[in-house]
């Protein structure tokens, strides 16, 4: 599946803690537009928690494309921010859903087309 980072204009993220009755945190892209690498194989942007009472930090996110169906995420949201974590990807006409599953949490990162 091919995902054209040039068409993605906005991102949001839902982080669901599966071991805590499904508690979820919602993040939204900051006002700054995403930055696409010249080769088109990565896109960077920032996210912040919608509820600033829960978390006031702003997190840097980089999505990396290695081939048509291999995607990774790096972010200072994670404990090991330099580690590229592999993503599952689902596409629809309006958006792309990047999924990262951990032991007791699932991250859904949505990229919305123009």
PDB file of N, CA and C in Angstrom:
ATOM      1  N   UNK A   1       0.840  -1.167   0.000  1.00  0.00           N
ATOM      2  CA  UNK A   1       0.000   0.000   0.000  1.00  0.00           C
ATOM      3  C   UNK A   1       0.885   1.230   0.000  1.00  0.00           C
ATOM      4  N   UNK A   2       0.570   2.157  -0.824  1.00  0.00           N
ATOM      5  CA  UNK A   2       1.364   3.371  -0.916  1.00  0.00           C
ATOM      6  C   UNK A   2       0.662   4.483  -0.152  1.00  0.00           C
ATOM      7  N   UNK A   3       1.416   5.151   0.705  1.00  0.00           N
ATOM      8  CA  UNK A   3       0.917   6.318   1.419  1.00  0.00           C
ATOM      9  C   UNK A   3       1.778   7.494   0.996  1.00  0.00           C
ATOM     10  N   UNK A   4       1.150   8.501   0.420  1.00  0.00           N
ATOM     11  CA  UNK A   4       1.852   9.703  -0.029  1.00  0.00           C
ATOM     12  C   UNK A   4       1.830  10.717   1.109  1.00  0.00           C
ATOM     13  N   UNK A   5       2.981  10.887   1.769  1.00  0.00           N
ATOM     14  CA  UNK A   5       3.060  11.831   2.884  1.00  0.00           C
ATOM     15  C   UNK A   5       2.723  13.255   2.451  1.00  0.00           C
ATOM     16  N   UNK A   6       2.931  13.583   1.182  1.00  0.00           N
ATOM     17  CA  UNK A   6       2.621  14.932   0.692  1.00  0.00           C
ATOM     18  C   UNK A   6       1.131  15.257   0.778  1.00  0.00           C
ATOM     19  N   UNK A   7       0.290  14.244   0.788  1.00  0.00           N
ATOM     20  CA  UNK A   7      -1.159  14.466   0.847  1.00  0.00           C
ATOM     21  C   UNK A   7      -1.686  14.571   2.278  1.00  0.00           C
ATOM     22  N   UNK A   8      -0.889  14.181   3.274  1.00  0.00           N
ATOM     23  CA  UNK A   8      -1.337  14.226   4.668  1.00  0.00           C
ATOM     24  C   UNK A   8      -1.136  15.625   5.222  1.00  0.00           C
ATOM     25  N   UNK A   9      -2.219  16.224   5.709  1.00  0.00           N
ATOM     26  CA  UNK A   9      -2.180  17.618   6.141  1.00  0.00           C
ATOM     27  C   UNK A   9      -2.407  17.812   7.633  1.00  0.00           C
ATOM     28  N   UNK A  10      -2.952  16.814   8.306  1.00  0.00           N
ATOM     29  CA  UNK A  10      -3.268  16.976   9.727  1.00  0.00           C
ATOM     30  C   UNK A  10      -3.230  15.610  10.413  1.00  0.00           C
ATOM     31  N   UNK A  11      -2.832  15.609  11.695  1.00  0.00           N
ATOM     32  CA  UNK A  11      -2.713  14.364  12.451  1.00  0.00           C
ATOM     33  C   UNK A  11      -3.392  14.483  13.804  1.00  0.00           C
ATOM     34  N   UNK A  12      -3.900  13.355  14.283  1.00  0.00           N
ATOM     35  CA  UNK A  12      -4.378  13.240  15.658  1.00  0.00           C
ATOM     36  C   UNK A  12      -4.023  11.838  16.139  1.00  0.00           C
ATOM     37  N   UNK A  13      -4.001  11.669  17.456  1.00  0.00           N
ATOM     38  CA  UNK A  13      -3.609  10.389  18.022  1.00  0.00           C
ATOM     39  C   UNK A  13      -4.502  10.053  19.211  1.00  0.00           C
ATOM     40  N   UNK A  14      -4.858   8.786  19.294  1.00  0.00           N
ATOM     41  CA  UNK A  14      -5.561   8.253  20.460  1.00  0.00           C
ATOM     42  C   UNK A  14      -4.675   7.170  21.054  1.00  0.00           C
ATOM     43  N   UNK A  15      -4.398   7.293  22.332  1.00  0.00           N
ATOM     44  CA  UNK A  15      -3.551   6.330  23.035  1.00  0.00           C
ATOM     45  C   UNK A  15      -4.420   5.636  24.074  1.00  0.00           C
ATOM     46  N   UNK A  16      -4.670   4.343  23.871  1.00  0.00           N
ATOM     47  CA  UNK A  16      -5.596   3.590  24.712  1.00  0.00           C
ATOM     48  C   UNK A  16      -4.809   2.640  25.613  1.00  0.00           C
ATOM     49  N   UNK A  17      -5.047   2.743  26.908  1.00  0.00           N
ATOM     50  CA  UNK A  17      -4.415   1.852  27.878  1.00  0.00           C
ATOM     51  C   UNK A  17      -5.356   0.677  28.120  1.00  0.00           C
ATOM     52  N   UNK A  18      -5.013  -0.478  27.573  1.00  0.00           N
ATOM     53  CA  UNK A  18      -5.904  -1.634  27.618  1.00  0.00           C
ATOM     54  C   UNK A  18      -5.959  -2.295  28.986  1.00  0.00           C
ATOM     55  N   UNK A  19      -4.983  -2.033  29.851  1.00  0.00           N
ATOM     56  CA  UNK A  19      -4.979  -2.647  31.174  1.00  0.00           C
ATOM     57  C   UNK A  19      -5.650  -1.770  32.226  1.00  0.00           C
ATOM     58  N   UNK A  20      -6.209  -0.641  31.821  1.00  0.00           N
ATOM     59  CA  UNK A  20      -6.777   0.315  32.772  1.00  0.00           C
ATOM     60  C   UNK A  20      -8.194   0.701  32.341  1.00  0.00           C
ATOM     61  N   UNK A  21      -9.040  -0.292  32.124  1.00  0.00           N
ATOM     62  CA  UNK A  21     -10.433  -0.076  31.722  1.00  0.00           C
ATOM     63  C   UNK A  21     -10.571   0.768  30.468  1.00  0.00           C
ATOM     64  N   UNK A  22      -9.596   0.671  29.563  1.00  0.00           N
ATOM     65  CA  UNK A  22      -9.688   1.368  28.293  1.00  0.00           C
ATOM     66  C   UNK A  22      -9.501   2.868  28.374  1.00  0.00           C
ATOM     67  N   UNK A  23      -8.852   3.356  29.430  1.00  0.00           N
ATOM     68  CA  UNK A  23      -8.595   4.787  29.539  1.00  0.00           C
ATOM     69  C   UNK A  23      -7.852   5.253  28.295  1.00  0.00           C
ATOM     70  N   UNK A  24      -8.246   6.388  27.739  1.00  0.00           N
ATOM     71  CA  UNK A  24      -7.634   6.885  26.513  1.00  0.00           C
ATOM     72  C   UNK A  24      -7.231   8.346  26.672  1.00  0.00           C
ATOM     73  N   UNK A  25      -6.123   8.683  26.048  1.00  0.00           N
ATOM     74  CA  UNK A  25      -5.675  10.070  25.954  1.00  0.00           C
ATOM     75  C   UNK A  25      -5.744  10.475  24.493  1.00  0.00           C
ATOM     76  N   UNK A  26      -6.214  11.688  24.242  1.00  0.00           N
ATOM     77  CA  UNK A  26      -6.379  12.196  22.884  1.00  0.00           C
ATOM     78  C   UNK A  26      -5.364  13.312  22.626  1.00  0.00           C
ATOM     79  N   UNK A  27      -4.697  13.230  21.489  1.00  0.00           N
ATOM     80  CA  UNK A  27      -3.707  14.227  21.103  1.00  0.00           C
ATOM     81  C   UNK A  27      -4.073  14.800  19.748  1.00  0.00           C
ATOM     82  N   UNK A  28      -3.739  16.067  19.557  1.00  0.00           N
ATOM     83  CA  UNK A  28      -4.041  16.773  18.322  1.00  0.00           C
ATOM     84  C   UNK A  28      -2.769  17.466  17.833  1.00  0.00           C
ATOM     85  N   UNK A  29      -2.636  17.573  16.531  1.00  0.00           N
ATOM     86  CA  UNK A  29      -1.480  18.259  15.957  1.00  0.00           C
ATOM     87  C   UNK A  29      -1.479  19.721  16.375  1.00  0.00           C
ATOM     88  N   UNK A  30      -0.294  20.271  16.634  1.00  0.00           N
ATOM     89  CA  UNK A  30      -0.180  21.696  16.924  1.00  0.00           C
ATOM     90  C   UNK A  30      -0.425  22.482  15.638  1.00  0.00           C
ATOM     91  N   UNK A  31      -0.436  23.792  15.742  1.00  0.00           N
ATOM     92  CA  UNK A  31      -0.770  24.643  14.601  1.00  0.00           C
ATOM     93  C   UNK A  31       0.237  24.529  13.463  1.00  0.00           C
ATOM     94  N   UNK A  32       1.475  24.218  13.766  1.00  0.00           N
ATOM     95  CA  UNK A  32       2.515  24.147  12.741  1.00  0.00           C
ATOM     96  C   UNK A  32       2.223  23.012  11.754  1.00  0.00           C
ATOM     97  N   UNK A  33       2.407  23.294  10.470  1.00  0.00           N
ATOM     98  CA  UNK A  33       2.161  22.287   9.436  1.00  0.00           C
ATOM     99  C   UNK A  33       3.222  21.188   9.480  1.00  0.00           C
ATOM    100  N   UNK A  34       2.855  19.974   9.067  1.00  0.00           N
ATOM    101  CA  UNK A  34       3.830  18.886   8.996  1.00  0.00           C
ATOM    102  C   UNK A  34       4.966  19.232   8.021  1.00  0.00           C
ATOM    103  N   UNK A  35       6.148  18.700   8.310  1.00  0.00           N
ATOM    104  CA  UNK A  35       7.318  18.920   7.462  1.00  0.00           C
ATOM    105  C   UNK A  35       7.683  17.594   6.801  1.00  0.00           C
ATOM    106  N   UNK A  36       7.760  17.608   5.480  1.00  0.00           N
ATOM    107  CA  UNK A  36       8.062  16.402   4.713  1.00  0.00           C
ATOM    108  C   UNK A  36       9.514  16.465   4.259  1.00  0.00           C
ATOM    109  N   UNK A  37      10.241  15.367   4.431  1.00  0.00           N
ATOM    110  CA  UNK A  37      11.630  15.293   3.975  1.00  0.00           C
ATOM    111  C   UNK A  37      11.683  15.452   2.460  1.00  0.00           C
ATOM    112  N   UNK A  38      12.773  16.007   1.930  1.00  0.00           N
ATOM    113  CA  UNK A  38      12.881  16.201   0.469  1.00  0.00           C
ATOM    114  C   UNK A  38      12.671  14.925  -0.342  1.00  0.00           C
ATOM    115  N   UNK A  39      13.077  13.769   0.195  1.00  0.00           N
ATOM    116  CA  UNK A  39      12.886  12.516  -0.545  1.00  0.00           C
ATOM    117  C   UNK A  39      11.476  11.954  -0.397  1.00  0.00           C
ATOM    118  N   UNK A  40      10.641  12.594   0.448  1.00  0.00           N
ATOM    119  CA  UNK A  40       9.254  12.172   0.630  1.00  0.00           C
ATOM    120  C   UNK A  40       9.068  10.935   1.479  1.00  0.00           C
ATOM    121  N   UNK A  41      10.133  10.447   2.112  1.00  0.00           N
ATOM    122  CA  UNK A  41      10.043   9.197   2.880  1.00  0.00           C
ATOM    123  C   UNK A  41       9.882   9.389   4.379  1.00  0.00           C
ATOM    124  N   UNK A  42       9.735  10.627   4.831  1.00  0.00           N
ATOM    125  CA  UNK A  42       9.415  10.851   6.240  1.00  0.00           C
ATOM    126  C   UNK A  42       8.646  12.154   6.373  1.00  0.00           C
ATOM    127  N   UNK A  43       7.885  12.227   7.443  1.00  0.00           N
ATOM    128  CA  UNK A  43       7.102  13.426   7.746  1.00  0.00           C
ATOM    129  C   UNK A  43       7.188  13.649   9.250  1.00  0.00           C
ATOM    130  N   UNK A  44       7.374  14.912   9.641  1.00  0.00           N
ATOM    131  CA  UNK A  44       7.513  15.271  11.050  1.00  0.00           C
ATOM    132  C   UNK A  44       6.450  16.292  11.437  1.00  0.00           C
ATOM    133  N   UNK A  45       5.990  16.191  12.672  1.00  0.00           N
ATOM    134  CA  UNK A  45       4.976  17.107  13.191  1.00  0.00           C
ATOM    135  C   UNK A  45       4.980  17.020  14.715  1.00  0.00           C
ATOM    136  N   UNK A  46       4.203  17.871  15.347  1.00  0.00           N
ATOM    137  CA  UNK A  46       4.111  17.882  16.805  1.00  0.00           C
ATOM    138  C   UNK A  46       2.678  17.635  17.242  1.00  0.00           C
ATOM    139  N   UNK A  47       2.545  16.964  18.386  1.00  0.00           N
ATOM    140  CA  UNK A  47       1.232  16.674  18.977  1.00  0.00           C
ATOM    141  C   UNK A  47       1.179  17.187  20.401  1.00  0.00           C
ATOM    142  N   UNK A  48      -0.023  17.578  20.822  1.00  0.00           N
ATOM    143  CA  UNK A  48      -0.241  17.942  22.225  1.00  0.00           C
ATOM    144  C   UNK A  48      -1.566  17.349  22.681  1.00  0.00           C
ATOM    145  N   UNK A  49      -1.639  17.065  23.981  1.00  0.00           N
ATOM    146  CA  UNK A  49      -2.840  16.489  24.568  1.00  0.00           C
ATOM    147  C   UNK A  49      -3.983  17.494  24.463  1.00  0.00           C
ATOM    148  N   UNK A  50      -5.142  17.019  24.062  1.00  0.00           N
ATOM    149  CA  UNK A  50      -6.319  17.883  23.981  1.00  0.00           C
ATOM    150  C   UNK A  50      -6.683  18.411  25.361  1.00  0.00           C
ATOM    151  N   UNK A  51      -6.539  17.569  26.394  1.00  0.00           N
ATOM    152  CA  UNK A  51      -6.806  17.974  27.773  1.00  0.00           C
ATOM    153  C   UNK A  51      -5.490  18.390  28.423  1.00  0.00           C
ATOM    154  N   UNK A  52      -5.229  19.668  28.441  1.00  0.00           N
ATOM    155  CA  UNK A  52      -3.977  20.180  28.988  1.00  0.00           C
ATOM    156  C   UNK A  52      -3.836  19.939  30.487  1.00  0.00           C
ATOM    157  N   UNK A  53      -4.916  19.547  31.159  1.00  0.00           N
ATOM    158  CA  UNK A  53      -4.826  19.187  32.574  1.00  0.00           C
ATOM    159  C   UNK A  53      -4.163  17.824  32.758  1.00  0.00           C
ATOM    160  N   UNK A  54      -4.266  16.954  31.750  1.00  0.00           N
ATOM    161  CA  UNK A  54      -3.638  15.631  31.808  1.00  0.00           C
ATOM    162  C   UNK A  54      -2.159  15.693  31.486  1.00  0.00           C
ATOM    163  N   UNK A  55      -1.814  16.481  30.468  1.00  0.00           N
ATOM    164  CA  UNK A  55      -0.446  16.480  29.943  1.00  0.00           C
ATOM    165  C   UNK A  55      -0.248  17.776  29.170  1.00  0.00           C
ATOM    166  N   UNK A  56       0.736  18.576  29.578  1.00  0.00           N
ATOM    167  CA  UNK A  56       0.972  19.856  28.916  1.00  0.00           C
ATOM    168  C   UNK A  56       2.144  19.835  27.948  1.00  0.00           C
ATOM    169  N   UNK A  57       2.810  18.706  27.826  1.00  0.00           N
ATOM    170  CA  UNK A  57       3.967  18.619  26.943  1.00  0.00           C
ATOM    171  C   UNK A  57       3.555  18.603  25.477  1.00  0.00           C
ATOM    172  N   UNK A  58       4.487  19.011  24.622  1.00  0.00           N
ATOM    173  CA  UNK A  58       4.336  18.897  23.176  1.00  0.00           C
ATOM    174  C   UNK A  58       5.348  17.852  22.717  1.00  0.00           C
ATOM    175  N   UNK A  59       4.892  16.901  21.908  1.00  0.00           N
ATOM    176  CA  UNK A  59       5.716  15.772  21.491  1.00  0.00           C
ATOM    177  C   UNK A  59       6.036  15.851  20.000  1.00  0.00           C
ATOM    178  N   UNK A  60       7.302  15.628  19.678  1.00  0.00           N
ATOM    179  CA  UNK A  60       7.736  15.553  18.284  1.00  0.00           C
ATOM    180  C   UNK A  60       7.523  14.140  17.771  1.00  0.00           C
ATOM    181  N   UNK A  61       7.009  14.035  16.562  1.00  0.00           N
ATOM    182  CA  UNK A  61       6.730  12.738  15.942  1.00  0.00           C
ATOM    183  C   UNK A  61       7.346  12.721  14.551  1.00  0.00           C
ATOM    184  N   UNK A  62       7.968  11.612  14.203  1.00  0.00           N
ATOM    185  CA  UNK A  62       8.463  11.409  12.844  1.00  0.00           C
ATOM    186  C   UNK A  62       7.951  10.070  12.346  1.00  0.00           C
ATOM    187  N   UNK A  63       7.259  10.083  11.217  1.00  0.00           N
ATOM    188  CA  UNK A  63       6.845   8.861  10.535  1.00  0.00           C
ATOM    189  C   UNK A  63       7.820   8.609   9.401  1.00  0.00           C
ATOM    190  N   UNK A  64       8.251   7.363   9.281  1.00  0.00           N
ATOM    191  CA  UNK A  64       9.241   6.986   8.285  1.00  0.00           C
ATOM    192  C   UNK A  64       8.668   5.884   7.408  1.00  0.00           C
ATOM    193  N   UNK A  65       8.838   6.065   6.100  1.00  0.00           N
ATOM    194  CA  UNK A  65       8.373   5.073   5.139  1.00  0.00           C
ATOM    195  C   UNK A  65       9.592   4.393   4.530  1.00  0.00           C
ATOM    196  N   UNK A  66       9.635   3.063   4.650  1.00  0.00           N
ATOM    197  CA  UNK A  66      10.711   2.283   4.026  1.00  0.00           C
ATOM    198  C   UNK A  66      10.045   1.271   3.103  1.00  0.00           C
ATOM    199  N   UNK A  67       9.845   1.658   1.868  1.00  0.00           N
ATOM    200  CA  UNK A  67       9.118   0.814   0.923  1.00  0.00           C
ATOM    201  C   UNK A  67       7.645   1.160   0.959  1.00  0.00           C
ATOM    202  N   UNK A  68       6.868   0.468   0.134  1.00  0.00           N
ATOM    203  CA  UNK A  68       5.445   0.779   0.012  1.00  0.00           C
ATOM    204  C   UNK A  68       4.615   0.369   1.214  1.00  0.00           C
ATOM    205  N   UNK A  69       5.065  -0.632   1.970  1.00  0.00           N
ATOM    206  CA  UNK A  69       4.216  -1.128   3.062  1.00  0.00           C
ATOM    207  C   UNK A  69       4.962  -1.303   4.383  1.00  0.00           C
ATOM    208  N   UNK A  70       6.050  -0.566   4.560  1.00  0.00           N
ATOM    209  CA  UNK A  70       6.820  -0.654   5.796  1.00  0.00           C
ATOM    210  C   UNK A  70       6.955   0.740   6.396  1.00  0.00           C
ATOM    211  N   UNK A  71       6.348   0.939   7.585  1.00  0.00           N
ATOM    212  CA  UNK A  71       6.318   2.245   8.221  1.00  0.00           C
ATOM    213  C   UNK A  71       6.798   2.133   9.663  1.00  0.00           C
ATOM    214  N   UNK A  72       7.445   3.212  10.126  1.00  0.00           N
ATOM    215  CA  UNK A  72       7.971   3.272  11.486  1.00  0.00           C
ATOM    216  C   UNK A  72       7.641   4.628  12.087  1.00  0.00           C
ATOM    217  N   UNK A  73       7.657   4.682  13.419  1.00  0.00           N
ATOM    218  CA  UNK A  73       7.466   5.930  14.138  1.00  0.00           C
ATOM    219  C   UNK A  73       8.600   6.110  15.129  1.00  0.00           C
ATOM    220  N   UNK A  74       9.069   7.369  15.224  1.00  0.00           N
ATOM    221  CA  UNK A  74       9.997   7.793  16.267  1.00  0.00           C
ATOM    222  C   UNK A  74       9.341   8.986  16.948  1.00  0.00           C
ATOM    223  N   UNK A  75       9.457   9.052  18.275  1.00  0.00           N
ATOM    224  CA  UNK A  75       8.847  10.172  18.982  1.00  0.00           C
ATOM    225  C   UNK A  75       9.436  10.304  20.373  1.00  0.00           C
ATOM    226  N   UNK A  76       9.530  11.548  20.841  1.00  0.00           N
ATOM    227  CA  UNK A  76       9.942  11.760  22.223  1.00  0.00           C
ATOM    228  C   UNK A  76       8.793  11.467  23.189  1.00  0.00           C
ATOM    229  N   UNK A  77       7.664  11.052  22.662  1.00  0.00           N
ATOM    230  CA  UNK A  77       6.558  10.559  23.500  1.00  0.00           C
ATOM    231  C   UNK A  77       6.952   9.230  24.150  1.00  0.00           C
ATOM    232  N   UNK A  78       7.767   8.454  23.442  1.00  0.00           N
ATOM    233  CA  UNK A  78       8.186   7.135  23.915  1.00  0.00           C
ATOM    234  C   UNK A  78       9.431   7.237  24.783  1.00  0.00           C
ATOM    235  N   UNK A  79       9.600   6.251  25.652  1.00  0.00           N
ATOM    236  CA  UNK A  79      10.752   6.230  26.548  1.00  0.00           C
ATOM    237  C   UNK A  79      12.065   6.236  25.768  1.00  0.00           C
ATOM    238  N   UNK A  80      12.137   5.441  24.709  1.00  0.00           N
ATOM    239  CA  UNK A  80      13.325   5.390  23.853  1.00  0.00           C
ATOM    240  C   UNK A  80      13.014   6.154  22.567  1.00  0.00           C
ATOM    241  N   UNK A  81      13.168   7.475  22.618  1.00  0.00           N
ATOM    242  CA  UNK A  81      12.697   8.324  21.522  1.00  0.00           C
ATOM    243  C   UNK A  81      13.434   8.120  20.204  1.00  0.00           C
ATOM    244  N   UNK A  82      14.643   7.569  20.223  1.00  0.00           N
ATOM    245  CA  UNK A  82      15.389   7.336  18.995  1.00  0.00           C
ATOM    246  C   UNK A  82      15.081   6.012  18.324  1.00  0.00           C
ATOM    247  N   UNK A  83      14.336   5.166  19.014  1.00  0.00           N
ATOM    248  CA  UNK A  83      14.006   3.828  18.504  1.00  0.00           C
ATOM    249  C   UNK A  83      12.876   3.916  17.472  1.00  0.00           C
ATOM    250  N   UNK A  84      13.074   3.364  16.269  1.00  0.00           N
ATOM    251  CA  UNK A  84      11.963   3.321  15.302  1.00  0.00           C
ATOM    252  C   UNK A  84      11.056   2.119  15.598  1.00  0.00           C
ATOM    253  N   UNK A  85       9.799   2.388  15.893  1.00  0.00           N
ATOM    254  CA  UNK A  85       8.829   1.338  16.198  1.00  0.00           C
ATOM    255  C   UNK A  85       8.008   1.029  14.951  1.00  0.00           C
ATOM    256  N   UNK A  86       7.854  -0.257  14.592  1.00  0.00           N
ATOM    257  CA  UNK A  86       7.096  -0.613  13.386  1.00  0.00           C
ATOM    258  C   UNK A  86       5.598  -0.375  13.569  1.00  0.00           C
ATOM    259  N   UNK A  87       4.965   0.058  12.500  1.00  0.00           N
ATOM    260  CA  UNK A  87       3.537   0.382  12.519  1.00  0.00           C
ATOM    261  C   UNK A  87       2.756  -0.511  11.562  1.00  0.00           C
ATOM    262  N   UNK A  88       1.542  -0.864  11.964  1.00  0.00           N
ATOM    263  CA  UNK A  88       0.567  -1.422  11.041  1.00  0.00           C
ATOM    264  C   UNK A  88      -0.171  -0.234  10.432  1.00  0.00           C
ATOM    265  N   UNK A  89      -0.636  -0.385   9.197  1.00  0.00           N
ATOM    266  CA  UNK A  89      -1.266   0.737   8.500  1.00  0.00           C
ATOM    267  C   UNK A  89      -2.568   0.288   7.855  1.00  0.00           C
ATOM    268  N   UNK A  90      -3.611   1.121   8.023  1.00  0.00           N
ATOM    269  CA  UNK A  90      -4.894   0.928   7.355  1.00  0.00           C
ATOM    270  C   UNK A  90      -5.239   2.226   6.642  1.00  0.00           C
ATOM    271  N   UNK A  91      -5.685   2.131   5.390  1.00  0.00           N
ATOM    272  CA  UNK A  91      -6.034   3.337   4.648  1.00  0.00           C
ATOM    273  C   UNK A  91      -7.511   3.333   4.278  1.00  0.00           C
ATOM    274  N   UNK A  92      -8.043   4.533   4.147  1.00  0.00           N
ATOM    275  CA  UNK A  92      -9.398   4.726   3.633  1.00  0.00           C
ATOM    276  C   UNK A  92      -9.338   5.931   2.705  1.00  0.00           C
ATOM    277  N   UNK A  93     -10.454   6.343   2.179  1.00  0.00           N
ATOM    278  CA  UNK A  93     -10.481   7.477   1.269  1.00  0.00           C
ATOM    279  C   UNK A  93     -10.135   8.798   1.916  1.00  0.00           C
ATOM    280  N   UNK A  94     -10.389   8.920   3.227  1.00  0.00           N
ATOM    281  CA  UNK A  94     -10.204  10.194   3.914  1.00  0.00           C
ATOM    282  C   UNK A  94      -8.965  10.262   4.795  1.00  0.00           C
ATOM    283  N   UNK A  95      -8.468   9.090   5.217  1.00  0.00           N
ATOM    284  CA  UNK A  95      -7.364   9.120   6.165  1.00  0.00           C
ATOM    285  C   UNK A  95      -6.528   7.851   6.120  1.00  0.00           C
ATOM    286  N   UNK A  96      -5.448   7.888   6.885  1.00  0.00           N
ATOM    287  CA  UNK A  96      -4.574   6.745   7.091  1.00  0.00           C
ATOM    288  C   UNK A  96      -4.503   6.525   8.591  1.00  0.00           C
ATOM    289  N   UNK A  97      -4.628   5.272   9.012  1.00  0.00           N
ATOM    290  CA  UNK A  97      -4.512   4.958  10.435  1.00  0.00           C
ATOM    291  C   UNK A  97      -3.237   4.145  10.635  1.00  0.00           C
ATOM    292  N   UNK A  98      -2.317   4.705  11.427  1.00  0.00           N
ATOM    293  CA  UNK A  98      -1.084   4.024  11.799  1.00  0.00           C
ATOM    294  C   UNK A  98      -1.304   3.437  13.193  1.00  0.00           C
ATOM    295  N   UNK A  99      -0.981   2.171  13.376  1.00  0.00           N
ATOM    296  CA  UNK A  99      -1.294   1.472  14.629  1.00  0.00           C
ATOM    297  C   UNK A  99      -0.014   0.896  15.223  1.00  0.00           C
ATOM    298  N   UNK A 100       0.176   1.159  16.513  1.00  0.00           N
ATOM    299  CA  UNK A 100       1.290   0.596  17.265  1.00  0.00           C
ATOM    300  C   UNK A 100       0.718  -0.076  18.499  1.00  0.00           C
ATOM    301  N   UNK A 101       0.937  -1.391  18.606  1.00  0.00           N
ATOM    302  CA  UNK A 101       0.415  -2.146  19.750  1.00  0.00           C
ATOM    303  C   UNK A 101       1.538  -2.501  20.700  1.00  0.00           C
ATOM    304  N   UNK A 102       1.326  -2.183  21.978  1.00  0.00           N
ATOM    305  CA  UNK A 102       2.259  -2.548  23.029  1.00  0.00           C
ATOM    306  C   UNK A 102       1.653  -3.631  23.909  1.00  0.00           C
ATOM    307  N   UNK A 103       2.324  -3.931  25.015  1.00  0.00           N
ATOM    308  CA  UNK A 103       1.833  -4.973  25.919  1.00  0.00           C
ATOM    309  C   UNK A 103       0.487  -4.609  26.537  1.00  0.00           C
ATOM    310  N   UNK A 104       0.328  -3.347  26.950  1.00  0.00           N
ATOM    311  CA  UNK A 104      -0.909  -2.946  27.617  1.00  0.00           C
ATOM    312  C   UNK A 104      -1.445  -1.606  27.099  1.00  0.00           C
ATOM    313  N   UNK A 105      -1.094  -1.282  25.854  1.00  0.00           N
ATOM    314  CA  UNK A 105      -1.603  -0.064  25.242  1.00  0.00           C
ATOM    315  C   UNK A 105      -1.609  -0.209  23.723  1.00  0.00           C
ATOM    316  N   UNK A 106      -2.459   0.597  23.110  1.00  0.00           N
ATOM    317  CA  UNK A 106      -2.526   0.657  21.646  1.00  0.00           C
ATOM    318  C   UNK A 106      -2.571   2.125  21.256  1.00  0.00           C
ATOM    319  N   UNK A 107      -1.723   2.496  20.284  1.00  0.00           N
ATOM    320  CA  UNK A 107      -1.704   3.855  19.778  1.00  0.00           C
ATOM    321  C   UNK A 107      -2.310   3.859  18.380  1.00  0.00           C
ATOM    322  N   UNK A 108      -3.269   4.742  18.170  1.00  0.00           N
ATOM    323  CA  UNK A 108      -3.859   4.954  16.851  1.00  0.00           C
ATOM    324  C   UNK A 108      -3.501   6.378  16.416  1.00  0.00           C
ATOM    325  N   UNK A 109      -2.706   6.478  15.376  1.00  0.00           N
ATOM    326  CA  UNK A 109      -2.305   7.774  14.857  1.00  0.00           C
ATOM    327  C   UNK A 109      -2.987   7.959  13.512  1.00  0.00           C
ATOM    328  N   UNK A 110      -3.815   8.988  13.413  1.00  0.00           N
ATOM    329  CA  UNK A 110      -4.583   9.250  12.200  1.00  0.00           C
ATOM    330  C   UNK A 110      -3.953  10.375  11.405  1.00  0.00           C
ATOM    331  N   UNK A 111      -3.723  10.134  10.125  1.00  0.00           N
ATOM    332  CA  UNK A 111      -3.274  11.172   9.211  1.00  0.00           C
ATOM    333  C   UNK A 111      -4.399  11.464   8.237  1.00  0.00           C
ATOM    334  N   UNK A 112      -4.769  12.737   8.135  1.00  0.00           N
ATOM    335  CA  UNK A 112      -5.901  13.123   7.297  1.00  0.00           C
ATOM    336  C   UNK A 112      -5.419  13.762   5.996  1.00  0.00           C
ATOM    337  N   UNK A 113      -6.013  13.327   4.875  1.00  0.00           N
ATOM    338  CA  UNK A 113      -5.654  13.859   3.569  1.00  0.00           C
ATOM    339  C   UNK A 113      -6.215  15.264   3.412  1.00  0.00           C
ATOM    340  N   UNK A 114      -5.677  15.970   2.408  1.00  0.00           N
ATOM    341  CA  UNK A 114      -6.147  17.322   2.138  1.00  0.00           C
ATOM    342  C   UNK A 114      -7.586  17.350   1.718  1.00  0.00           C
TER     343      UNK A 114
END
